[in-house]
């Protein structure tokens, strides 16, 4: 896009800095994987150590001849402790871990599906608003919608343009009035906010960065849902739409991915 459009596509507000959502996204993603990996490694190491010690004690029980006098009491106590640890782990895995992982997976999969569905609704509004604005080259067919759902396809379709009926301008100009497409995008943002709110209340996030991301997103959606039609009033809304579809912002430039979809995948 030209410099004028780039300046218009900023979704910062006086209260919130939305660009923080995507800054350092790759680094945070790698950090999340590292933390979860370390937690899994500690649990696995504890289980392996417990099993190895129990196996070693059993081997000594049957092959250590002659056994010292103190061995009988030590063997009984050690086996009781190690067996108790394994039984505790099994019940934790069966009663706590498995149901919790099932619940987390259901919530994550549902959020991912709902987000994609909401994005499609927003894309329909973007395409039809752009056609009203003069973008007759955008055909409202499934092939076009699937292509525009990718950051590369969306950027190629809406990058550039100097006139009011070209590039992303055609869509932006339709947001100056209270059009059906404007209302549809606001409704989509409200539905997305409900989904994020549900996740924040029902999904335990052990990572502070992950929780902060979705909390900031919740606040940004709250702000955008109060957007009003108008040339200046709709700029944050248009900037948000362009960022999630084109994978671009004024800080990082073109990243090639939707930051919200990426963080949902990292839950």
Protein backbone atom coordinates (compact mmCIF):
# COMPACT_ATOMS: atom_id res chain seq x y z
CA UNK A 1 0.00 0.00 0.00
CA UNK A 2 1.16 3.59 -0.45
CA UNK A 3 2.32 5.77 2.42
CA UNK A 4 -1.07 7.43 2.79
CA UNK A 5 -2.89 4.14 3.29
CA UNK A 6 -0.19 2.86 5.66
CA UNK A 7 -0.73 5.90 7.87
CA UNK A 8 -4.46 5.26 7.86
CA UNK A 9 -4.09 1.61 8.83
CA UNK A 10 -3.09 2.12 12.46
CA UNK A 11 -5.43 0.63 15.04
CA UNK A 12 -3.87 2.35 18.02
CA UNK A 13 -6.16 4.22 20.37
CA UNK A 14 -5.47 6.67 23.17
CA UNK A 15 -6.10 4.04 25.84
CA UNK A 16 -4.64 0.93 24.19
CA UNK A 17 -1.68 0.18 21.93
CA UNK A 18 -2.98 -2.70 19.80
CA UNK A 19 0.32 -3.17 17.96
CA UNK A 20 1.62 -4.73 21.17
CA UNK A 21 -0.48 -7.79 20.28
CA UNK A 22 1.80 -8.78 17.41
CA UNK A 23 5.16 -7.33 18.48
CA UNK A 24 7.52 -10.14 19.27
CA UNK A 25 4.89 -12.76 18.40
CA UNK A 26 7.39 -15.28 17.11
CA UNK A 27 9.57 -14.92 20.20
CA UNK A 28 6.60 -15.39 22.53
CA UNK A 29 5.45 -18.42 20.60
CA UNK A 30 8.84 -20.07 20.95
CA UNK A 31 8.95 -19.13 24.64
CA UNK A 32 5.55 -20.78 25.22
CA UNK A 33 6.68 -24.00 23.57
CA UNK A 34 9.86 -23.99 25.63
CA UNK A 35 7.97 -23.55 28.92
CA UNK A 36 5.45 -26.29 28.16
CA UNK A 37 8.28 -28.52 27.00
CA UNK A 38 10.17 -28.03 30.26
CA UNK A 39 7.04 -28.80 32.31
CA UNK A 40 6.40 -32.00 30.36
CA UNK A 41 10.06 -32.98 30.73
CA UNK A 42 9.96 -32.55 34.52
CA UNK A 43 6.83 -34.70 34.83
CA UNK A 44 8.23 -37.39 32.56
CA UNK A 45 11.56 -37.36 34.39
CA UNK A 46 9.82 -37.82 37.75
CA UNK A 47 7.82 -40.78 36.43
CA UNK A 48 10.87 -42.42 34.81
CA UNK A 49 12.92 -41.96 37.98
CA UNK A 50 10.15 -43.47 40.11
CA UNK A 51 9.84 -46.51 37.83
CA UNK A 52 13.62 -46.94 37.62
CA UNK A 53 14.02 -46.84 41.40
CA UNK A 54 11.19 -49.33 41.90
CA UNK A 55 12.71 -51.67 39.31
CA UNK A 56 16.13 -51.38 40.97
CA UNK A 57 14.67 -52.21 44.40
CA UNK A 58 12.86 -55.26 43.00
CA UNK A 59 16.04 -56.46 41.31
CA UNK A 60 17.95 -56.14 44.57
CA UNK A 61 15.16 -57.95 46.39
CA UNK A 62 15.50 -61.08 44.29
CA UNK A 63 19.21 -61.05 43.39
CA UNK A 64 21.00 -59.56 46.40
CA UNK A 65 22.15 -62.62 48.31
CA UNK A 66 22.71 -62.73 51.17
CA UNK A 67 20.68 -59.67 52.10
CA UNK A 68 21.73 -57.53 55.10
CA UNK A 69 19.62 -57.66 58.20
CA UNK A 70 18.26 -54.16 57.69
CA UNK A 71 17.22 -54.87 54.10
CA UNK A 72 13.80 -56.32 54.93
CA UNK A 73 12.45 -53.17 56.59
CA UNK A 74 14.14 -50.88 54.07
CA UNK A 75 12.72 -52.87 51.16
CA UNK A 76 9.19 -52.75 52.51
CA UNK A 77 9.30 -49.01 53.18
CA UNK A 78 10.91 -48.18 49.84
CA UNK A 79 8.46 -50.25 47.82
CA UNK A 80 5.52 -48.70 49.67
CA UNK A 81 6.74 -45.16 48.97
CA UNK A 82 7.56 -45.79 45.29
CA UNK A 83 4.36 -47.75 44.64
CA UNK A 84 2.35 -45.02 46.35
CA UNK A 85 3.97 -42.47 44.06
CA UNK A 86 3.05 -44.45 40.95
CA UNK A 87 -0.52 -44.99 42.14
CA UNK A 88 -0.85 -41.27 42.92
CA UNK A 89 0.47 -40.40 39.46
CA UNK A 90 -1.96 -42.83 37.83
CA UNK A 91 -4.97 -41.40 39.65
CA UNK A 92 -3.82 -37.84 38.90
CA UNK A 93 -3.46 -38.73 35.24
CA UNK A 94 -6.86 -40.47 35.13
CA UNK A 95 -8.92 -38.07 37.27
CA UNK A 96 -7.27 -34.70 36.65
CA UNK A 97 -4.94 -34.65 33.66
CA UNK A 98 -7.02 -36.53 31.06
CA UNK A 99 -10.31 -34.63 31.70
CA UNK A 100 -8.45 -31.31 31.86
CA UNK A 101 -6.64 -31.97 28.58
CA UNK A 102 -9.93 -33.00 26.95
CA UNK A 103 -11.60 -29.81 28.13
CA UNK A 104 -8.66 -27.67 26.98
CA UNK A 105 -8.64 -29.34 23.58
CA UNK A 106 -12.39 -28.84 23.12
CA UNK A 107 -12.17 -25.15 24.07
CA UNK A 108 -9.14 -24.58 21.84
CA UNK A 109 -10.66 -26.36 18.83
CA UNK A 110 -13.95 -24.52 19.29
CA UNK A 111 -12.21 -21.15 19.52
CA UNK A 112 -10.19 -21.91 16.39
CA UNK A 113 -13.30 -22.93 14.44
CA UNK A 114 -15.36 -20.00 15.67
CA UNK A 115 -12.59 -17.52 14.89
CA UNK A 116 -12.30 -18.81 11.35
CA UNK A 117 -16.09 -18.63 10.94
CA UNK A 118 -16.17 -15.06 12.27
CA UNK A 119 -13.31 -14.08 9.97
CA UNK A 120 -15.26 -15.43 7.00
CA UNK A 121 -18.27 -13.32 7.97
CA UNK A 122 -16.02 -10.28 8.18
CA UNK A 123 -14.45 -11.13 4.82
CA UNK A 124 -17.88 -11.29 3.17
CA UNK A 125 -18.54 -7.79 4.50
CA UNK A 126 -15.14 -6.58 3.25
CA UNK A 127 -15.69 -7.99 -0.24
CA UNK A 128 -19.25 -6.70 -0.66
CA UNK A 129 -18.33 -3.29 0.76
CA UNK A 130 -15.38 -3.13 -1.63
CA UNK A 131 -17.61 -4.01 -4.58
CA UNK A 132 -19.97 -1.22 -3.56
CA UNK A 133 -16.95 1.04 -3.47
CA UNK A 134 -16.02 0.18 -7.04
CA UNK A 135 -13.97 -3.04 -6.76
CA UNK A 136 -15.89 -4.97 -9.41
CA UNK A 137 -12.82 -7.15 -9.95
CA UNK A 138 -13.56 -8.94 -6.66
CA UNK A 139 -15.89 -11.80 -7.49
CA UNK A 140 -18.09 -13.03 -4.59
CA UNK A 141 -17.39 -16.72 -5.16
CA UNK A 142 -15.94 -19.44 -2.94
CA UNK A 143 -12.61 -19.50 -4.77
CA UNK A 144 -12.12 -15.78 -4.14
CA UNK A 145 -13.10 -16.07 -0.49
CA UNK A 146 -10.71 -18.98 0.11
CA UNK A 147 -7.89 -17.06 -1.53
CA UNK A 148 -8.59 -13.91 0.48
CA UNK A 149 -8.60 -15.89 3.72
CA UNK A 150 -4.83 -16.27 3.30
CA UNK A 151 -2.60 -13.29 4.20
CA UNK A 152 -0.79 -13.53 0.87
CA UNK A 153 -4.01 -13.62 -1.16
CA UNK A 154 -5.60 -10.74 0.78
CA UNK A 155 -2.51 -8.56 0.49
CA UNK A 156 -2.23 -9.16 -3.23
CA UNK A 157 -5.90 -8.26 -3.72
CA UNK A 158 -5.92 -5.09 -1.57
CA UNK A 159 -2.34 -3.81 -1.79
CA UNK A 160 -1.74 -0.61 -3.71
CA UNK A 161 -4.30 1.66 -5.27
CA UNK A 162 -4.44 5.44 -5.60
CA UNK A 163 -8.08 6.12 -6.37
CA UNK A 164 -11.13 5.83 -4.13
CA UNK A 165 -12.29 2.69 -5.95
CA UNK A 166 -8.93 0.90 -5.82
CA UNK A 167 -7.08 -1.26 -3.29
CA UNK A 168 -8.27 -1.05 0.29
CA UNK A 169 -9.65 2.46 -0.27
CA UNK A 170 -12.87 1.06 -1.73
CA UNK A 171 -13.60 -0.75 1.52
CA UNK A 172 -12.51 2.11 3.77
CA UNK A 173 -14.78 4.58 2.03
CA UNK A 174 -17.79 2.36 2.68
CA UNK A 175 -16.97 2.47 6.41
CA UNK A 176 -17.59 6.22 6.39
CA UNK A 177 -21.32 5.53 6.42
CA UNK A 178 -23.48 3.28 8.56
CA UNK A 179 -23.68 0.60 5.87
CA UNK A 180 -24.93 -2.98 6.42
CA UNK A 181 -21.33 -4.14 5.98
CA UNK A 182 -20.18 -1.79 8.73
CA UNK A 183 -22.81 -3.18 11.08
CA UNK A 184 -21.94 -6.75 10.11
CA UNK A 185 -18.28 -6.20 11.02
CA UNK A 186 -19.26 -4.71 14.38
CA UNK A 187 -21.45 -7.75 15.04
CA UNK A 188 -18.55 -10.05 14.12
CA UNK A 189 -16.27 -8.22 16.56
CA UNK A 190 -18.87 -8.59 19.30
CA UNK A 191 -19.13 -12.33 18.64
CA UNK A 192 -15.34 -12.64 18.73
CA UNK A 193 -15.23 -10.72 22.00
CA UNK A 194 -17.74 -13.18 23.51
CA UNK A 195 -15.55 -16.08 22.43
CA UNK A 196 -12.41 -14.52 23.94
CA UNK A 197 -14.27 -13.73 27.15
CA UNK A 198 -15.43 -17.34 27.41
CA UNK A 199 -11.88 -18.62 26.97
CA UNK A 200 -10.51 -16.24 29.59
CA UNK A 201 -13.06 -17.50 32.11
CA UNK A 202 -12.91 -21.22 31.31
CA UNK A 203 -9.40 -21.96 30.10
CA UNK A 204 -6.52 -22.01 32.56
CA UNK A 205 -3.54 -20.23 31.04
CA UNK A 206 -0.31 -21.05 32.82
CA UNK A 207 1.71 -18.60 30.76
CA UNK A 208 1.51 -14.92 31.65
CA UNK A 209 2.29 -13.72 28.11
CA UNK A 210 -0.50 -15.83 26.67
CA UNK A 211 -3.01 -14.52 29.20
CA UNK A 212 -1.84 -10.92 28.64
CA UNK A 213 -2.28 -11.32 24.88
CA UNK A 214 -5.90 -12.44 25.09
CA UNK A 215 -6.70 -9.91 27.80
CA UNK A 216 -5.36 -7.08 25.63
CA UNK A 217 -7.30 -8.48 22.68
CA UNK A 218 -10.46 -8.48 24.80
CA UNK A 219 -9.94 -4.81 25.66
CA UNK A 220 -9.20 -3.89 22.03
CA UNK A 221 -12.36 -5.61 20.84
CA UNK A 222 -14.31 -3.75 23.50
CA UNK A 223 -12.96 -0.49 22.09
CA UNK A 224 -13.54 -1.42 18.44
CA UNK A 225 -17.12 -2.53 19.09
CA UNK A 226 -17.91 1.10 19.88
CA UNK A 227 -16.57 2.31 16.54
CA UNK A 228 -18.70 4.83 14.71
CA UNK A 229 -18.96 5.29 10.95
CA UNK A 230 -16.87 8.12 9.56
CA UNK A 231 -13.62 8.75 7.73
CA UNK A 232 -11.52 9.22 10.88
CA UNK A 233 -13.76 7.30 13.27
CA UNK A 234 -13.47 4.05 11.30
CA UNK A 235 -9.67 4.07 10.90
CA UNK A 236 -8.93 1.83 13.92
CA UNK A 237 -11.59 -0.62 12.73
CA UNK A 238 -10.20 -0.71 9.18
CA UNK A 239 -6.68 -1.09 10.52
CA UNK A 240 -7.71 -4.07 12.64
CA UNK A 241 -9.40 -5.71 9.66
CA UNK A 242 -6.35 -5.20 7.44
CA UNK A 243 -3.94 -6.52 10.06
CA UNK A 244 -5.69 -9.81 10.78
CA UNK A 245 -6.34 -10.53 7.10
CA UNK A 246 -3.12 -9.28 5.52
CA UNK A 247 -0.74 -10.12 8.39
CA UNK A 248 0.67 -6.60 8.35
CA UNK A 249 1.13 -3.77 10.83
CA UNK A 250 3.06 -0.52 11.01
CA UNK A 251 5.64 -1.90 13.47
CA UNK A 252 6.62 -5.29 12.05
CA UNK A 253 5.53 -4.76 8.45
CA UNK A 254 4.37 -7.84 6.55
CA UNK A 255 4.58 -10.99 8.69
CA UNK A 256 2.60 -13.43 6.59
CA UNK A 257 0.31 -14.70 9.35
CA UNK A 258 -2.72 -13.69 11.38
CA UNK A 259 -1.44 -12.91 14.92
CA UNK A 260 -4.72 -13.95 16.57
CA UNK A 261 -4.89 -17.28 14.74
CA UNK A 262 -1.25 -17.92 15.63
CA UNK A 263 -1.78 -17.33 19.34
CA UNK A 264 -4.90 -19.52 19.33
CA UNK A 265 -2.76 -22.30 17.87
CA UNK A 266 -0.24 -21.78 20.69
CA UNK A 267 -2.81 -22.20 23.49
